[in-house]
PDB file of N, CA and C in Angstrom:
ATOM      1  N   MET A   1      91.358 144.550 164.272  1.00  0.00           N
ATOM      2  CA  MET A   1      90.529 145.376 163.306  1.00  0.00           C
ATOM      3  C   MET A   1      91.045 144.847 161.932  1.00  0.00           C
ATOM      4  N   THR A   2      90.081 144.638 160.991  1.00  0.00           N
ATOM      5  CA  THR A   2      90.434 144.183 159.727  1.00  0.00           C
ATOM      6  C   THR A   2      90.782 145.434 158.715  1.00  0.00           C
ATOM      7  N   ASP A   3      91.666 145.066 157.957  1.00  0.00           N
ATOM      8  CA  ASP A   3      92.058 146.086 156.933  1.00  0.00           C
ATOM      9  C   ASP A   3      90.911 146.261 155.747  1.00  0.00           C
ATOM     10  N   PRO A   4      90.541 147.415 155.483  1.00  0.00           N
ATOM     11  CA  PRO A   4      89.439 147.588 154.448  1.00  0.00           C
ATOM     12  C   PRO A   4      89.776 147.035 153.097  1.00  0.00           C
ATOM     13  N   ALA A   5      91.184 147.064 152.889  1.00  0.00           N
ATOM     14  CA  ALA A   5      91.581 146.430 151.620  1.00  0.00           C
ATOM     15  C   ALA A   5      91.456 145.008 151.520  1.00  0.00           C
ATOM     16  N   ASP A   6      91.686 144.352 152.689  1.00  0.00           N
ATOM     17  CA  ASP A   6      91.324 142.873 152.722  1.00  0.00           C
ATOM     18  C   ASP A   6      89.786 142.670 152.643  1.00  0.00           C
ATOM     19  N   SER A   7      88.956 143.447 153.074  1.00  0.00           N
ATOM     20  CA  SER A   7      87.525 143.256 152.944  1.00  0.00           C
ATOM     21  C   SER A   7      87.116 143.477 151.419  1.00  0.00           C
ATOM     22  N   ASP A   8      87.697 144.406 150.859  1.00  0.00           N
ATOM     23  CA  ASP A   8      87.354 144.666 149.300  1.00  0.00           C
ATOM     24  C   ASP A   8      87.848 143.480 148.556  1.00  0.00           C
ATOM     25  N   GLN A   9      89.104 143.050 148.978  1.00  0.00           N
ATOM     26  CA  GLN A   9      89.521 141.805 148.154  1.00  0.00           C
ATOM     27  C   GLN A   9      88.629 140.640 148.270  1.00  0.00           C
ATOM     28  N   LEU A  10      88.179 140.482 149.572  1.00  0.00           N
ATOM     29  CA  LEU A  10      87.251 139.210 149.933  1.00  0.00           C
ATOM     30  C   LEU A  10      85.932 139.476 149.171  1.00  0.00           C
ATOM     31  N   HIS A  11      85.373 140.737 149.089  1.00  0.00           N
ATOM     32  CA  HIS A  11      84.130 141.117 148.350  1.00  0.00           C
ATOM     33  C   HIS A  11      84.363 140.812 146.966  1.00  0.00           C
ATOM     34  N   ASN A  12      85.396 141.228 146.355  1.00  0.00           N
ATOM     35  CA  ASN A  12      85.683 141.051 144.949  1.00  0.00           C
ATOM     36  C   ASN A  12      85.811 139.514 144.581  1.00  0.00           C
ATOM     37  N   ALA A  13      86.443 138.758 145.490  1.00  0.00           N
ATOM     38  CA  ALA A  13      86.637 137.300 145.198  1.00  0.00           C
ATOM     39  C   ALA A  13      85.283 136.676 145.150  1.00  0.00           C
ATOM     40  N   VAL A  14      84.473 136.985 146.209  1.00  0.00           N
ATOM     41  CA  VAL A  14      83.227 136.364 146.438  1.00  0.00           C
ATOM     42  C   VAL A  14      82.297 136.714 145.154  1.00  0.00           C
ATOM     43  N   SER A  15      82.353 137.994 144.636  1.00  0.00           N
ATOM     44  CA  SER A  15      81.741 138.328 143.534  1.00  0.00           C
ATOM     45  C   SER A  15      82.008 137.621 142.339  1.00  0.00           C
ATOM     46  N   GLN A  16      83.285 137.567 142.153  1.00  0.00           N
ATOM     47  CA  GLN A  16      83.815 136.663 140.933  1.00  0.00           C
ATOM     48  C   GLN A  16      83.379 135.259 141.030  1.00  0.00           C
ATOM     49  N   GLN A  17      83.406 134.708 142.167  1.00  0.00           N
ATOM     50  CA  GLN A  17      83.025 133.203 142.291  1.00  0.00           C
ATOM     51  C   GLN A  17      81.404 133.232 141.987  1.00  0.00           C
ATOM     52  N   GLY A  18      80.772 134.146 142.391  1.00  0.00           N
ATOM     53  CA  GLY A  18      79.189 134.110 142.072  1.00  0.00           C
ATOM     54  C   GLY A  18      78.982 134.264 140.664  1.00  0.00           C
ATOM     55  N   ALA A  19      79.741 135.044 139.996  1.00  0.00           N
ATOM     56  CA  ALA A  19      79.533 135.211 138.583  1.00  0.00           C
ATOM     57  C   ALA A  19      80.030 133.919 137.870  1.00  0.00           C
ATOM     58  N   THR A  20      80.979 133.254 138.326  1.00  0.00           N
ATOM     59  CA  THR A  20      81.376 132.096 137.733  1.00  0.00           C
ATOM     60  C   THR A  20      80.442 131.068 137.882  1.00  0.00           C
ATOM     61  N   ILE A  21      79.860 130.812 138.986  1.00  0.00           N
ATOM     62  CA  ILE A  21      78.884 129.927 139.441  1.00  0.00           C
ATOM     63  C   ILE A  21      77.646 130.202 138.499  1.00  0.00           C
ATOM     64  N   GLY A  22      77.230 131.401 138.373  1.00  0.00           N
ATOM     65  CA  GLY A  22      76.138 131.752 137.478  1.00  0.00           C
ATOM     66  C   GLY A  22      76.346 131.318 136.017  1.00  0.00           C
ATOM     67  N   ARG A  23      77.524 131.495 135.456  1.00  0.00           N
ATOM     68  CA  ARG A  23      77.870 131.091 134.187  1.00  0.00           C
ATOM     69  C   ARG A  23      77.747 129.551 134.084  1.00  0.00           C
ATOM     70  N   HIS A  24      78.307 128.898 134.974  1.00  0.00           N
ATOM     71  CA  HIS A  24      78.270 127.339 135.136  1.00  0.00           C
ATOM     72  C   HIS A  24      76.909 126.915 135.119  1.00  0.00           C
ATOM     73  N   LYS A  25      75.926 127.631 135.926  1.00  0.00           N
ATOM     74  CA  LYS A  25      74.478 127.171 135.999  1.00  0.00           C
ATOM     75  C   LYS A  25      73.924 127.262 134.665  1.00  0.00           C
ATOM     76  N   GLU A  26      74.224 128.373 133.961  1.00  0.00           N
ATOM     77  CA  GLU A  26      73.603 128.676 132.678  1.00  0.00           C
ATOM     78  C   GLU A  26      74.078 127.583 131.671  1.00  0.00           C
ATOM     79  N   LEU A  27      75.296 127.280 131.761  1.00  0.00           N
ATOM     80  CA  LEU A  27      75.868 126.227 130.686  1.00  0.00           C
ATOM     81  C   LEU A  27      75.217 124.847 131.031  1.00  0.00           C
ATOM     82  N   LEU A  28      75.103 124.553 132.262  1.00  0.00           N
ATOM     83  CA  LEU A  28      74.346 123.242 132.684  1.00  0.00           C
ATOM     84  C   LEU A  28      73.001 123.338 132.207  1.00  0.00           C
ATOM     85  N   HIS A  29      72.269 124.346 132.229  1.00  0.00           N
ATOM     86  CA  HIS A  29      71.102 124.409 131.915  1.00  0.00           C
ATOM     87  C   HIS A  29      70.884 124.155 130.340  1.00  0.00           C
ATOM     88  N   CYS A  30      71.871 124.793 129.565  1.00  0.00           N
ATOM     89  CA  CYS A  30      71.851 124.688 128.062  1.00  0.00           C
ATOM     90  C   CYS A  30      72.122 123.400 127.803  1.00  0.00           C
ATOM     91  N   LEU A  31      73.103 122.615 128.449  1.00  0.00           N
ATOM     92  CA  LEU A  31      73.474 121.160 128.252  1.00  0.00           C
ATOM     93  C   LEU A  31      72.171 120.348 128.598  1.00  0.00           C
ATOM     94  N   MET A  32      71.452 120.577 129.535  1.00  0.00           N
ATOM     95  CA  MET A  32      70.339 119.735 129.913  1.00  0.00           C
ATOM     96  C   MET A  32      69.250 119.871 128.806  1.00  0.00           C
ATOM     97  N   GLU A  33      69.101 120.990 128.322  1.00  0.00           N
ATOM     98  CA  GLU A  33      68.065 121.311 127.250  1.00  0.00           C
ATOM     99  C   GLU A  33      68.489 120.576 125.921  1.00  0.00           C
ATOM    100  N   GLY A  34      69.733 120.595 125.738  1.00  0.00           N
ATOM    101  CA  GLY A  34      70.238 119.923 124.549  1.00  0.00           C
ATOM    102  C   GLY A  34      70.072 118.355 124.609  1.00  0.00           C
ATOM    103  N   LEU A  35      70.358 117.822 125.814  1.00  0.00           N
ATOM    104  CA  LEU A  35      70.134 116.325 126.006  1.00  0.00           C
ATOM    105  C   LEU A  35      68.708 115.911 125.800  1.00  0.00           C
ATOM    106  N   PHE A  36      67.775 116.726 126.392  1.00  0.00           N
ATOM    107  CA  PHE A  36      66.389 116.475 126.308  1.00  0.00           C
ATOM    108  C   PHE A  36      65.904 116.514 124.834  1.00  0.00           C
ATOM    109  N   THR A  37      66.407 117.522 124.092  1.00  0.00           N
ATOM    110  CA  THR A  37      66.072 117.721 122.720  1.00  0.00           C
ATOM    111  C   THR A  37      66.565 116.545 121.940  1.00  0.00           C
ATOM    112  N   LEU A  38      67.746 116.064 122.191  1.00  0.00           N
ATOM    113  CA  LEU A  38      68.321 114.872 121.560  1.00  0.00           C
ATOM    114  C   LEU A  38      67.549 113.584 121.905  1.00  0.00           C
ATOM    115  N   ALA A  39      67.179 113.429 123.120  1.00  0.00           N
ATOM    116  CA  ALA A  39      66.504 112.248 123.633  1.00  0.00           C
ATOM    117  C   ALA A  39      65.095 112.256 122.890  1.00  0.00           C
ATOM    118  N   VAL A  40      64.359 113.487 122.718  1.00  0.00           N
ATOM    119  CA  VAL A  40      63.094 113.501 122.144  1.00  0.00           C
ATOM    120  C   VAL A  40      63.180 113.202 120.660  1.00  0.00           C
ATOM    121  N   SER A  41      64.185 113.742 120.048  1.00  0.00           N
ATOM    122  CA  SER A  41      64.339 113.602 118.635  1.00  0.00           C
ATOM    123  C   SER A  41      64.636 112.176 118.215  1.00  0.00           C
ATOM    124  N   GLN A  42      65.126 111.249 119.096  1.00  0.00           N
ATOM    125  CA  GLN A  42      65.447 109.995 118.811  1.00  0.00           C
ATOM    126  C   GLN A  42      64.307 108.949 119.150  1.00  0.00           C
ATOM    127  N   GLU A  43      63.350 109.499 119.761  1.00  0.00           N
ATOM    128  CA  GLU A  43      62.152 108.628 120.074  1.00  0.00           C
ATOM    129  C   GLU A  43      61.242 108.482 118.845  1.00  0.00           C
ATOM    130  N   PRO A  44      60.738 107.374 118.516  1.00  0.00           N
ATOM    131  CA  PRO A  44      59.907 107.184 117.380  1.00  0.00           C
ATOM    132  C   PRO A  44      58.564 107.973 117.642  1.00  0.00           C
ATOM    133  N   ARG A  45      58.084 108.438 116.565  1.00  0.00           N
ATOM    134  CA  ARG A  45      56.661 109.138 116.611  1.00  0.00           C
ATOM    135  C   ARG A  45      55.621 108.162 116.073  1.00  0.00           C
ATOM    136  N   LEU A  46      54.696 107.748 116.980  1.00  0.00           N
ATOM    137  CA  LEU A  46      53.875 106.768 116.810  1.00  0.00           C
ATOM    138  C   LEU A  46      52.434 107.417 116.553  1.00  0.00           C
ATOM    139  N   PRO A  47      51.509 106.917 115.736  1.00  0.00           N
ATOM    140  CA  PRO A  47      50.248 107.501 115.659  1.00  0.00           C
ATOM    141  C   PRO A  47      49.460 107.093 116.955  1.00  0.00           C
ATOM    142  N   PRO A  48      48.647 107.864 117.452  1.00  0.00           N
ATOM    143  CA  PRO A  48      47.841 107.624 118.701  1.00  0.00           C
ATOM    144  C   PRO A  48      46.778 106.479 118.280  1.00  0.00           C
ATOM    145  N   PRO A  49      46.380 105.759 119.237  1.00  0.00           N
ATOM    146  CA  PRO A  49      45.476 104.687 118.977  1.00  0.00           C
ATOM    147  C   PRO A  49      44.120 105.358 118.862  1.00  0.00           C
ATOM    148  N   GLU A  50      43.150 104.579 118.325  1.00  0.00           N
ATOM    149  CA  GLU A  50      41.731 105.067 118.177  1.00  0.00           C
ATOM    150  C   GLU A  50      41.257 105.474 119.525  1.00  0.00           C
ATOM    151  N   HIS A  51      40.331 106.392 119.606  1.00  0.00           N
ATOM    152  CA  HIS A  51      39.729 106.826 120.630  1.00  0.00           C
ATOM    153  C   HIS A  51      38.938 105.773 121.480  1.00  0.00           C
ATOM    154  N   TYR A  52      38.906 105.694 122.756  1.00  0.00           N
ATOM    155  CA  TYR A  52      38.231 104.611 123.580  1.00  0.00           C
ATOM    156  C   TYR A  52      37.005 105.412 124.053  1.00  0.00           C
ATOM    157  N   ALA A  53      35.934 104.740 123.735  1.00  0.00           N
ATOM    158  CA  ALA A  53      34.540 105.302 124.198  1.00  0.00           C
ATOM    159  C   ALA A  53      33.924 104.566 125.471  1.00  0.00           C
ATOM    160  N   GLY A  54      34.630 103.481 125.881  1.00  0.00           N
ATOM    161  CA  GLY A  54      34.208 102.826 127.052  1.00  0.00           C
ATOM    162  C   GLY A  54      33.787 101.390 126.840  1.00  0.00           C
ATOM    163  N   ASP A  55      33.842 100.954 125.631  1.00  0.00           N
ATOM    164  CA  ASP A  55      33.538  99.412 125.259  1.00  0.00           C
ATOM    165  C   ASP A  55      34.477  98.582 126.018  1.00  0.00           C
ATOM    166  N   SER A  56      34.068  97.636 126.725  1.00  0.00           N
ATOM    167  CA  SER A  56      34.930  96.726 127.571  1.00  0.00           C
ATOM    168  C   SER A  56      35.742  95.850 126.625  1.00  0.00           C
ATOM    169  N   GLY A  57      35.374  95.675 125.467  1.00  0.00           N
ATOM    170  CA  GLY A  57      35.901  94.784 124.425  1.00  0.00           C
ATOM    171  C   GLY A  57      37.244  95.406 123.798  1.00  0.00           C
ATOM    172  N   ASN A  58      37.164  96.681 123.816  1.00  0.00           N
ATOM    173  CA  ASN A  58      38.307  97.443 123.203  1.00  0.00           C
ATOM    174  C   ASN A  58      39.300  97.965 124.313  1.00  0.00           C
ATOM    175  N   CYS A  59      38.950  97.848 125.511  1.00  0.00           N
ATOM    176  CA  CYS A  59      39.817  98.427 126.584  1.00  0.00           C
ATOM    177  C   CYS A  59      41.167  97.908 126.561  1.00  0.00           C
ATOM    178  N   ARG A  60      41.404  96.595 126.550  1.00  0.00           N
ATOM    179  CA  ARG A  60      42.670  96.015 126.622  1.00  0.00           C
ATOM    180  C   ARG A  60      43.642  96.448 125.434  1.00  0.00           C
ATOM    181  N   ALA A  61      43.027  96.433 124.432  1.00  0.00           N
ATOM    182  CA  ALA A  61      43.950  96.725 123.188  1.00  0.00           C
ATOM    183  C   ALA A  61      44.224  98.287 123.386  1.00  0.00           C
ATOM    184  N   PHE A  62      43.354  99.171 123.826  1.00  0.00           N
ATOM    185  CA  PHE A  62      43.651 100.542 123.821  1.00  0.00           C
ATOM    186  C   PHE A  62      44.760 100.792 124.868  1.00  0.00           C
ATOM    187  N   LEU A  63      44.494 100.317 126.044  1.00  0.00           N
ATOM    188  CA  LEU A  63      45.535 100.354 127.043  1.00  0.00           C
ATOM    189  C   LEU A  63      46.881  99.727 126.687  1.00  0.00           C
ATOM    190  N   SER A  64      46.897  98.742 125.923  1.00  0.00           N
ATOM    191  CA  SER A  64      48.280  98.087 125.493  1.00  0.00           C
ATOM    192  C   SER A  64      48.896  99.052 124.563  1.00  0.00           C
ATOM    193  N   GLN A  65      48.054  99.604 123.718  1.00  0.00           N
ATOM    194  CA  GLN A  65      48.740 100.539 122.636  1.00  0.00           C
ATOM    195  C   GLN A  65      49.322 101.820 123.316  1.00  0.00           C
ATOM    196  N   CYS A  66      48.493 102.340 124.303  1.00  0.00           N
ATOM    197  CA  CYS A  66      48.990 103.440 124.976  1.00  0.00           C
ATOM    198  C   CYS A  66      50.300 103.014 125.861  1.00  0.00           C
ATOM    199  N   SER A  67      50.357 101.900 126.395  1.00  0.00           N
ATOM    200  CA  SER A  67      51.519 101.506 127.139  1.00  0.00           C
ATOM    201  C   SER A  67      52.752 101.430 126.247  1.00  0.00           C
ATOM    202  N   LEU A  68      52.470 100.955 125.087  1.00  0.00           N
ATOM    203  CA  LEU A  68      53.635 101.025 123.968  1.00  0.00           C
ATOM    204  C   LEU A  68      54.164 102.331 123.790  1.00  0.00           C
ATOM    205  N   ILE A  69      53.227 103.404 123.610  1.00  0.00           N
ATOM    206  CA  ILE A  69      53.519 104.685 123.279  1.00  0.00           C
ATOM    207  C   ILE A  69      54.378 105.265 124.442  1.00  0.00           C
ATOM    208  N   PHE A  70      53.972 105.037 125.781  1.00  0.00           N
ATOM    209  CA  PHE A  70      54.512 105.405 127.048  1.00  0.00           C
ATOM    210  C   PHE A  70      55.957 104.970 127.002  1.00  0.00           C
ATOM    211  N   GLU A  71      56.241 103.697 126.610  1.00  0.00           N
ATOM    212  CA  GLU A  71      57.539 103.038 126.690  1.00  0.00           C
ATOM    213  C   GLU A  71      58.312 103.617 125.530  1.00  0.00           C
ATOM    214  N   LEU A  72      57.833 103.846 124.436  1.00  0.00           N
ATOM    215  CA  LEU A  72      58.810 104.243 123.321  1.00  0.00           C
ATOM    216  C   LEU A  72      58.999 105.753 123.366  1.00  0.00           C
ATOM    217  N   GLN A  73      58.100 106.398 123.835  1.00  0.00           N
ATOM    218  CA  GLN A  73      58.249 108.045 123.931  1.00  0.00           C
ATOM    219  C   GLN A  73      58.277 108.386 125.387  1.00  0.00           C
ATOM    220  N   PHE A  74      59.209 107.800 126.198  1.00  0.00           N
ATOM    221  CA  PHE A  74      59.314 108.028 127.574  1.00  0.00           C
ATOM    222  C   PHE A  74      59.527 109.430 128.072  1.00  0.00           C
ATOM    223  N   SER A  75      60.190 110.144 127.225  1.00  0.00           N
ATOM    224  CA  SER A  75      60.522 111.532 127.754  1.00  0.00           C
ATOM    225  C   SER A  75      59.345 112.372 127.606  1.00  0.00           C
ATOM    226  N   SER A  76      58.369 112.121 126.633  1.00  0.00           N
ATOM    227  CA  SER A  76      57.097 112.752 126.506  1.00  0.00           C
ATOM    228  C   SER A  76      56.158 112.590 127.604  1.00  0.00           C
ATOM    229  N   PHE A  77      56.249 111.467 128.309  1.00  0.00           N
ATOM    230  CA  PHE A  77      55.387 111.059 129.340  1.00  0.00           C
ATOM    231  C   PHE A  77      56.158 110.653 130.662  1.00  0.00           C
ATOM    232  N   PRO A  78      56.821 111.578 131.285  1.00  0.00           N
ATOM    233  CA  PRO A  78      57.631 111.489 132.400  1.00  0.00           C
ATOM    234  C   PRO A  78      56.929 111.077 133.755  1.00  0.00           C
ATOM    235  N   SER A  79      55.554 111.436 133.677  1.00  0.00           N
ATOM    236  CA  SER A  79      55.043 111.074 135.042  1.00  0.00           C
ATOM    237  C   SER A  79      53.507 110.357 134.828  1.00  0.00           C
ATOM    238  N   ASP A  80      53.078 109.833 135.912  1.00  0.00           N
ATOM    239  CA  ASP A  80      51.841 109.303 135.754  1.00  0.00           C
ATOM    240  C   ASP A  80      50.676 110.106 135.412  1.00  0.00           C
ATOM    241  N   HIS A  81      50.857 111.275 135.938  1.00  0.00           N
ATOM    242  CA  HIS A  81      50.016 112.517 135.671  1.00  0.00           C
ATOM    243  C   HIS A  81      49.854 112.784 134.058  1.00  0.00           C
ATOM    244  N   SER A  82      51.003 112.793 133.407  1.00  0.00           N
ATOM    245  CA  SER A  82      51.036 113.062 131.959  1.00  0.00           C
ATOM    246  C   SER A  82      50.473 112.112 131.140  1.00  0.00           C
ATOM    247  N   LYS A  83      50.550 110.783 131.746  1.00  0.00           N
ATOM    248  CA  LYS A  83      50.203 109.468 130.980  1.00  0.00           C
ATOM    249  C   LYS A  83      48.657 109.565 131.207  1.00  0.00           C
ATOM    250  N   ILE A  84      48.183 109.943 132.356  1.00  0.00           N
ATOM    251  CA  ILE A  84      46.555 109.792 132.616  1.00  0.00           C
ATOM    252  C   ILE A  84      46.057 110.873 131.716  1.00  0.00           C
ATOM    253  N   ALA A  85      46.638 112.021 131.493  1.00  0.00           N
ATOM    254  CA  ALA A  85      46.190 113.131 130.715  1.00  0.00           C
ATOM    255  C   ALA A  85      46.177 112.745 129.279  1.00  0.00           C
ATOM    256  N   TYR A  86      47.132 111.930 128.780  1.00  0.00           N
ATOM    257  CA  TYR A  86      47.129 111.374 127.428  1.00  0.00           C
ATOM    258  C   TYR A  86      46.063 110.436 127.240  1.00  0.00           C
ATOM    259  N   LEU A  87      45.821 109.602 128.257  1.00  0.00           N
ATOM    260  CA  LEU A  87      44.714 108.555 128.099  1.00  0.00           C
ATOM    261  C   LEU A  87      43.342 109.425 127.991  1.00  0.00           C
ATOM    262  N   ILE A  88      43.113 110.286 128.757  1.00  0.00           N
ATOM    263  CA  ILE A  88      41.877 111.158 128.821  1.00  0.00           C
ATOM    264  C   ILE A  88      41.740 111.790 127.422  1.00  0.00           C
ATOM    265  N   MET A  89      42.790 112.348 126.951  1.00  0.00           N
ATOM    266  CA  MET A  89      42.719 112.954 125.538  1.00  0.00           C
ATOM    267  C   MET A  89      42.298 112.011 124.532  1.00  0.00           C
ATOM    268  N   LEU A  90      42.396 110.600 124.615  1.00  0.00           N
ATOM    269  CA  LEU A  90      42.107 109.720 123.671  1.00  0.00           C
ATOM    270  C   LEU A  90      40.813 108.962 123.974  1.00  0.00           C
ATOM    271  N   MET A  91      40.011 109.604 124.925  1.00  0.00           N
ATOM    272  CA  MET A  91      38.776 108.863 125.283  1.00  0.00           C
ATOM    273  C   MET A  91      37.562 109.766 124.655  1.00  0.00           C
ATOM    274  N   SER A  92      36.509 109.171 124.503  1.00  0.00           N
ATOM    275  CA  SER A  92      35.272 109.914 123.928  1.00  0.00           C
ATOM    276  C   SER A  92      34.013 109.155 124.662  1.00  0.00           C
ATOM    277  N   GLY A  93      32.986 109.554 124.392  1.00  0.00           N
ATOM    278  CA  GLY A  93      31.760 109.137 124.914  1.00  0.00           C
ATOM    279  C   GLY A  93      31.564 108.946 126.358  1.00  0.00           C
ATOM    280  N   ARG A  94      31.069 107.844 126.840  1.00  0.00           N
ATOM    281  CA  ARG A  94      30.936 107.626 128.343  1.00  0.00           C
ATOM    282  C   ARG A  94      32.223 107.567 129.146  1.00  0.00           C
ATOM    283  N   ALA A  95      33.294 107.052 128.358  1.00  0.00           N
ATOM    284  CA  ALA A  95      34.667 107.026 129.073  1.00  0.00           C
ATOM    285  C   ALA A  95      35.148 108.410 129.334  1.00  0.00           C
ATOM    286  N   LEU A  96      35.105 109.269 128.357  1.00  0.00           N
ATOM    287  CA  LEU A  96      35.477 110.634 128.500  1.00  0.00           C
ATOM    288  C   LEU A  96      34.653 111.329 129.523  1.00  0.00           C
ATOM    289  N   ASN A  97      33.409 111.089 129.688  1.00  0.00           N
ATOM    290  CA  ASN A  97      32.526 111.686 130.596  1.00  0.00           C
ATOM    291  C   ASN A  97      32.993 111.414 132.027  1.00  0.00           C
ATOM    292  N   TRP A  98      33.120 110.001 132.281  1.00  0.00           N
ATOM    293  CA  TRP A  98      33.773 109.634 133.533  1.00  0.00           C
ATOM    294  C   TRP A  98      35.197 110.118 133.861  1.00  0.00           C
ATOM    295  N   ALA A  99      36.017 110.060 132.806  1.00  0.00           N
ATOM    296  CA  ALA A  99      37.439 110.765 133.044  1.00  0.00           C
ATOM    297  C   ALA A  99      37.470 112.075 133.489  1.00  0.00           C
ATOM    298  N   MET A 100      36.630 112.903 132.764  1.00  0.00           N
ATOM    299  CA  MET A 100      36.514 114.327 133.057  1.00  0.00           C
ATOM    300  C   MET A 100      36.052 114.542 134.473  1.00  0.00           C
ATOM    301  N   VAL A 101      35.136 113.807 134.846  1.00  0.00           N
ATOM    302  CA  VAL A 101      34.640 113.930 136.325  1.00  0.00           C
ATOM    303  C   VAL A 101      35.636 113.760 137.294  1.00  0.00           C
ATOM    304  N   VAL A 102      36.387 112.576 137.188  1.00  0.00           N
ATOM    305  CA  VAL A 102      37.414 112.202 138.218  1.00  0.00           C
ATOM    306  C   VAL A 102      38.658 113.177 138.063  1.00  0.00           C
ATOM    307  N   TRP A 103      38.869 113.707 136.779  1.00  0.00           N
ATOM    308  CA  TRP A 103      40.055 114.519 136.549  1.00  0.00           C
ATOM    309  C   TRP A 103      39.786 115.875 137.229  1.00  0.00           C
ATOM    310  N   GLU A 104      38.485 116.466 136.991  1.00  0.00           N
ATOM    311  CA  GLU A 104      38.063 117.746 137.525  1.00  0.00           C
ATOM    312  C   GLU A 104      38.039 117.706 138.923  1.00  0.00           C
ATOM    313  N   GLN A 105      37.607 116.532 139.550  1.00  0.00           N
ATOM    314  CA  GLN A 105      37.563 116.484 141.008  1.00  0.00           C
ATOM    315  C   GLN A 105      38.877 116.222 141.716  1.00  0.00           C
ATOM    316  N   GLN A 106      40.014 116.139 140.931  1.00  0.00           N
ATOM    317  CA  GLN A 106      41.199 115.766 141.383  1.00  0.00           C
ATOM    318  C   GLN A 106      41.243 114.476 142.249  1.00  0.00           C
ATOM    319  N   SER A 107      40.472 113.561 141.830  1.00  0.00           N
ATOM    320  CA  SER A 107      40.309 112.246 142.352  1.00  0.00           C
ATOM    321  C   SER A 107      41.619 111.603 142.567  1.00  0.00           C
ATOM    322  N   ALA A 108      41.787 110.688 143.676  1.00  0.00           N
ATOM    323  CA  ALA A 108      42.998 110.147 143.882  1.00  0.00           C
ATOM    324  C   ALA A 108      43.325 109.096 142.818  1.00  0.00           C
ATOM    325  N   VAL A 109      42.421 108.668 142.048  1.00  0.00           N
ATOM    326  CA  VAL A 109      42.712 107.740 140.890  1.00  0.00           C
ATOM    327  C   VAL A 109      43.546 108.445 139.896  1.00  0.00           C
ATOM    328  N   CYS A 110      43.678 109.846 139.924  1.00  0.00           N
ATOM    329  CA  CYS A 110      44.407 110.464 138.872  1.00  0.00           C
ATOM    330  C   CYS A 110      45.832 110.863 139.386  1.00  0.00           C
ATOM    331  N   LEU A 111      46.290 110.376 140.427  1.00  0.00           N
ATOM    332  CA  LEU A 111      47.480 110.385 140.876  1.00  0.00           C
ATOM    333  C   LEU A 111      48.353 109.082 140.611  1.00  0.00           C
ATOM    334  N   SER A 112      47.846 107.971 140.248  1.00  0.00           N
ATOM    335  CA  SER A 112      48.495 106.789 140.008  1.00  0.00           C
ATOM    336  C   SER A 112      48.021 106.154 138.688  1.00  0.00           C
ATOM    337  N   LEU A 113      48.809 106.041 137.657  1.00  0.00           N
ATOM    338  CA  LEU A 113      48.347 105.282 136.418  1.00  0.00           C
ATOM    339  C   LEU A 113      47.786 104.049 136.701  1.00  0.00           C
ATOM    340  N   GLU A 114      48.352 103.273 137.623  1.00  0.00           N
ATOM    341  CA  GLU A 114      47.935 101.862 137.846  1.00  0.00           C
ATOM    342  C   GLU A 114      46.485 102.003 138.433  1.00  0.00           C
ATOM    343  N   GLU A 115      46.173 102.945 139.298  1.00  0.00           N
ATOM    344  CA  GLU A 115      44.892 103.122 140.017  1.00  0.00           C
ATOM    345  C   GLU A 115      43.932 103.691 138.860  1.00  0.00           C
ATOM    346  N   PHE A 116      44.328 104.483 138.027  1.00  0.00           N
ATOM    347  CA  PHE A 116      43.366 105.022 136.990  1.00  0.00           C
ATOM    348  C   PHE A 116      43.056 103.932 135.987  1.00  0.00           C
ATOM    349  N   VAL A 117      43.996 103.146 135.724  1.00  0.00           N
ATOM    350  CA  VAL A 117      43.684 102.013 134.618  1.00  0.00           C
ATOM    351  C   VAL A 117      42.851 101.048 135.281  1.00  0.00           C
ATOM    352  N   ALA A 118      43.054 100.776 136.592  1.00  0.00           N
ATOM    353  CA  ALA A 118      42.024  99.762 137.222  1.00  0.00           C
ATOM    354  C   ALA A 118      40.604 100.259 137.331  1.00  0.00           C
ATOM    355  N   GLU A 119      40.409 101.595 137.285  1.00  0.00           N
ATOM    356  CA  GLU A 119      38.998 102.077 137.235  1.00  0.00           C
ATOM    357  C   GLU A 119      38.400 102.176 135.821  1.00  0.00           C
ATOM    358  N   VAL A 120      39.260 102.317 134.873  1.00  0.00           N
ATOM    359  CA  VAL A 120      38.871 102.379 133.440  1.00  0.00           C
ATOM    360  C   VAL A 120      38.064 101.080 133.066  1.00  0.00           C
TER     361      VAL A 120
END
C-alpha cells in the first residue's frame, strides 16, 4: 500500500512540471512570433504588378513579377494556396472570371501553383 504523503508529493511534482512546461510553451510561442516579425520586417516591400486581364502577351511578365515577389517576400506567401490567392487578387476581366470559377469550385488546379500557372 502506498503512503498518501508519497502520492501527494508525486501529484505536486507532476503539477509543478506541468506548470513549467506551460511557461516554456508560452516562451517558445513568443520567440516564434518575434522571429516571424523580424523575418517579415526584413523583407522588401515591392509594389504589386499591374492587374492581369487575360492577355496572353502580358502573361509571362505578370507571372515573372509575381514570382519575384514570392521569392523576396517568402514569409508572406508560405504556401501554394496563398500564392494562388495573391495571383487571383491581381487579376481582372476574363482572367478573374476564370480564376473565381476554379477557386470557388475548389478545383484541383488551386492546390498547386505549378498547375494553376499552367492553366492561366
